[in-house]
Protein backbone atom coordinates (compact mmCIF):
# COMPACT_ATOMS: atom_id res chain seq x y z
CA MET A 1 78.22 78.93 109.22
CA LEU A 2 75.57 76.15 108.82
CA GLN A 3 77.24 73.14 110.58
CA GLY A 4 74.56 71.73 113.02
CA ILE A 5 71.47 72.09 110.44
CA ARG A 6 69.83 69.39 109.26
CA ALA A 7 67.84 69.35 106.68
CA ALA A 8 65.96 67.63 103.43
CA ASP A 9 65.68 69.37 100.47
CA ASP A 10 62.35 71.69 99.93
CA THR A 11 61.99 72.07 103.98
CA ALA A 12 60.98 74.90 105.67
CA VAL A 13 64.26 76.98 106.95
CA ALA A 14 62.90 77.39 110.61
CA ALA A 15 62.45 81.02 111.86
CA ALA A 16 65.45 80.62 114.29
CA ASP A 17 67.94 79.61 111.50
CA ILE A 18 67.00 81.93 108.86
CA PRO A 19 70.11 84.91 109.54
CA LYS A 20 72.45 81.43 109.52
CA ALA A 21 70.80 80.65 106.17
CA VAL A 22 71.05 83.89 104.33
CA THR A 23 74.29 85.21 105.75
CA ALA A 24 76.05 81.71 105.13
CA GLY A 25 77.62 82.92 101.88
CA ARG A 26 76.90 84.71 98.25
CA LEU A 27 74.28 83.06 96.54
CA LEU A 28 74.35 83.21 92.82
CA TYR A 29 70.65 82.96 91.05
CA VAL A 30 70.15 81.51 87.81
CA ASP A 31 70.02 84.26 85.50
CA GLY A 32 73.46 85.43 86.84
CA ALA A 33 72.93 87.63 89.58
CA THR A 34 74.25 87.55 92.79
CA GLN A 35 73.18 88.33 96.22
CA VAL A 36 74.97 88.73 100.05
CA PHE A 37 73.24 89.16 103.17
CA THR A 38 75.36 90.58 105.90
CA VAL A 39 74.78 89.86 109.93
CA ASP A 40 73.41 93.39 110.04
CA GLY A 41 70.79 93.21 108.06
CA LYS A 42 72.15 94.71 104.91
CA THR A 43 72.15 93.01 101.87
CA THR A 44 73.40 93.86 98.27
CA TYR A 45 72.25 92.34 94.97
CA SER A 46 74.00 92.57 92.43
CA GLU A 47 73.41 92.12 88.13
CA ARG A 48 74.83 93.04 85.28
CA GLY A 49 77.44 95.41 87.03
CA GLY A 50 75.41 97.42 88.83
CA ASP A 51 74.56 96.63 92.41
CA SER A 52 71.17 97.35 94.53
CA ALA A 53 71.32 97.85 98.42
CA GLY A 54 69.10 96.80 100.77
CA GLU A 55 67.73 95.61 103.78
CA TRP A 56 66.41 92.43 105.38
CA TYR A 57 64.98 90.99 108.30
CA VAL A 58 62.65 88.28 109.89
CA ASP A 59 59.73 89.52 110.72
CA ASP A 60 57.04 88.83 113.90
CA GLN A 61 55.37 86.11 112.01
CA GLY A 62 59.00 84.13 111.07
CA ARG A 63 59.13 85.31 108.02
CA PHE A 64 62.00 86.37 105.91
CA CYS A 65 61.54 89.91 104.10
CA SER A 66 63.55 92.75 102.71
CA PHE A 67 63.31 96.15 101.85
CA TRP A 68 64.31 98.05 98.97
CA PRO A 69 64.49 101.39 99.16
CA PRO A 70 62.36 103.72 98.83
CA SER A 71 59.25 101.60 99.13
CA TYR A 72 59.39 98.21 97.94
CA ARG A 73 58.71 95.53 100.55
CA ALA A 74 58.45 91.49 100.16
CA CYS A 75 58.12 88.64 102.26
CA TYR A 76 59.23 85.02 101.44
CA ALA A 77 58.86 81.63 102.72
CA LEU A 78 62.52 80.12 102.62
CA ARG A 79 63.00 76.72 101.87
CA TRP A 80 66.23 74.40 101.55
CA MET A 81 67.96 73.19 98.64
CA VAL A 82 69.78 70.06 99.66
CA GLU A 83 71.62 67.61 97.22
CA ASP A 84 73.20 64.63 98.62
CA THR A 85 72.50 65.66 102.37
CA ARG A 86 74.50 68.87 102.13
CA ILE A 87 72.36 72.13 102.22
CA VAL A 88 73.33 73.85 98.59
CA GLY A 89 71.14 76.73 98.94
CA LEU A 90 67.80 78.42 99.48
CA ARG A 91 63.91 78.83 97.69
CA PHE A 92 62.47 81.82 98.30
CA THR A 93 58.72 81.85 97.83
CA GLY A 94 56.76 85.17 97.58
CA VAL A 95 54.13 85.37 100.04
CA LYS A 96 51.93 87.47 97.94
CA ASP A 97 52.76 86.06 94.51
CA GLY A 98 53.48 82.91 94.79
CA VAL A 99 56.65 83.21 92.59
CA THR A 100 59.64 81.03 93.64
CA PHE A 101 63.41 81.45 92.76
CA GLU A 102 66.17 80.28 93.79
CA GLY A 103 69.68 80.95 95.02
CA ARG A 104 72.62 78.73 95.30
CA TYR A 105 75.76 79.08 97.86
CA GLU A 106 79.12 79.70 95.99
């Protein structure tokens, strides 16, 4: 899915590559939660046996954003996680709060 994309660790994911980046595979977070993004703009976040359904999109400023009904919306700067020239995951940094979390492809 990510073939042809060359990235260095902690470099920004280009807006055109965001759909490929988030849909490339299930992401595993440090706390054990997982998340899947599908090409139709849906996402499922799973933790401790429970699932939450949301939506994702690239906004008009080229940022990755998510929407969790009924009203939570957030946008993130997306950066690559690269080890030994291999893309291993994504770093999400909240545009409003600056909080960063990492997801590794399973």
